[in-house]
Protein backbone atom coordinates (compact mmCIF):
# COMPACT_ATOMS: atom_id res chain seq x y z
CA MET A 1 -0.23 -0.23 0.04
CA GLN A 2 0.89 3.33 -0.90
CA ALA A 3 1.89 5.86 1.77
CA PRO A 4 -0.53 8.80 1.64
CA LEU A 5 1.00 12.09 -0.06
CA GLY A 6 0.13 14.70 2.98
CA PRO A 7 0.78 18.12 2.77
CA GLU A 8 4.53 18.11 2.58
CA LEU A 9 3.86 17.72 -1.48
CA SER A 10 2.26 21.15 -1.68
CA ALA A 11 3.36 23.64 -3.95
CA PRO A 12 6.50 25.43 -2.21
CA PRO A 13 6.47 29.30 -2.02
CA GLY A 14 6.73 31.10 -5.39
CA ALA A 15 5.97 27.87 -7.37
CA GLY A 16 3.14 30.41 -9.22
CA ASP A 17 6.35 32.49 -10.33
CA ARG A 18 8.38 29.83 -12.01
CA GLU A 19 8.58 29.88 -15.84
CA ALA A 20 7.12 27.10 -17.65
CA PRO A 21 8.55 24.58 -19.92
CA PRO A 22 9.16 25.86 -23.10
CA PRO A 23 6.11 24.91 -25.22
CA PHE A 24 5.88 22.24 -27.99
CA HIS A 25 4.70 25.07 -31.34
CA VAL A 26 1.94 22.45 -32.84
CA PRO A 27 -0.70 23.33 -34.24
CA ALA A 28 -4.14 24.20 -32.15
CA ASN A 29 -6.18 21.31 -34.47
CA SER A 30 -3.28 18.81 -33.64
CA LEU A 31 -3.82 19.15 -30.04
CA LYS A 32 -4.78 16.05 -27.89
CA THR A 33 -6.51 14.78 -24.91
CA ILE A 34 -4.92 12.58 -22.32
CA GLN A 35 -7.48 11.10 -19.71
CA ILE A 36 -5.78 9.87 -16.57
CA ARG A 37 -7.93 6.99 -14.68
CA ASN A 38 -7.35 5.38 -11.04
CA VAL A 39 -5.58 8.63 -9.76
CA PRO A 40 -5.77 7.94 -5.73
CA GLU A 41 -7.56 10.63 -3.87
CA ASP A 42 -4.65 11.83 -2.17
CA VAL A 43 -2.29 12.17 -5.30
CA HIS A 44 -5.42 14.12 -6.79
CA ARG A 45 -5.68 16.42 -3.24
CA ALA A 46 -2.18 17.33 -3.12
CA LEU A 47 -2.50 17.99 -7.37
CA ARG A 48 -5.49 20.16 -6.46
CA THR A 49 -3.42 22.14 -3.83
CA ARG A 50 -0.45 22.70 -6.15
CA ALA A 51 -2.46 23.75 -9.09
CA ALA A 52 -4.63 26.77 -6.77
CA ALA A 53 -1.47 27.49 -5.13
CA ALA A 54 0.09 28.63 -8.27
CA GLY A 55 -3.25 29.88 -9.41
CA MET A 56 -3.43 27.15 -12.43
CA SER A 57 -6.17 24.97 -12.82
CA LEU A 58 -5.48 21.00 -12.63
CA SER A 59 -5.30 20.68 -16.48
CA ASP A 60 -2.80 23.60 -16.84
CA LEU A 61 -0.61 22.55 -14.01
CA ALA A 62 -0.91 18.83 -15.66
CA LEU A 63 -0.27 19.77 -18.83
CA GLU A 64 2.88 22.10 -17.51
CA GLU A 65 4.13 19.22 -15.70
CA LEU A 66 3.77 16.47 -18.72
CA THR A 67 5.26 18.90 -21.11
CA ALA A 68 8.50 19.44 -18.48
CA VAL A 69 8.97 15.56 -18.69
CA ALA A 70 8.39 15.11 -22.39
CA THR A 71 11.38 17.91 -22.89
CA ARG A 72 13.69 16.43 -20.75
CA PRO A 73 15.74 13.79 -22.85
CA PRO A 74 15.22 10.05 -21.42
CA ILE A 75 17.77 8.47 -19.35
CA ALA A 76 19.45 6.72 -21.64
CA GLU A 77 20.61 9.41 -23.65
CA VAL A 78 21.84 11.53 -20.45
CA LEU A 79 23.62 8.22 -19.61
CA ARG A 80 24.91 7.81 -23.07
CA ARG A 81 26.02 11.64 -22.68
CA ALA A 82 27.80 11.30 -19.95
CA ASP A 83 29.66 8.06 -20.73
CA ALA A 84 31.06 10.13 -23.74
CA ARG A 85 32.26 12.83 -21.97
CA PRO A 86 36.05 12.41 -21.36
CA GLY A 87 37.80 11.36 -17.85
CA GLY A 88 35.38 11.17 -14.99
CA ALA A 89 34.78 8.07 -12.95
CA THR A 90 33.91 4.71 -14.41
CA THR A 91 30.60 3.27 -13.32
CA GLU A 92 32.57 0.26 -12.00
CA ALA A 93 34.72 2.80 -9.83
CA VAL A 94 31.44 4.62 -8.68
CA VAL A 95 29.53 0.99 -7.88
CA ALA A 96 32.88 0.45 -6.07
CA ALA A 97 32.26 3.83 -4.03
CA VAL A 98 28.46 3.11 -3.40
CA ARG A 99 29.22 -0.23 -1.79
CA SER A 100 31.82 0.23 0.25
CA LEU A 101 30.03 3.67 1.65
CA ARG A 102 27.10 1.09 2.41
CA GLU A 103 29.43 -1.54 3.96
CA GLY A 104 30.87 1.02 6.08
CA ALA A 105 27.28 2.75 7.67
């Protein structure tokens, strides 16, 4: 069972002041609708609270968040870019360091 989201997920001060991610530029007649089913009550309440705190509709908040997710590169791309950079630690070295810290804790 999931833990309730609670008030700690409400919008931080100034959240309505944040810049929206760059929108996708598409003709109005090609905009699509997404319907999300089975949203738990606590998730819905937290999102509705965040939207209200930001002075937005729930739909606008959801669109802003979905746009932000869609404009971020997938994790595989981020890892590929990081791997292509010169220098830095190898994956094996990072894993060994994390394991070492875990064993020492």
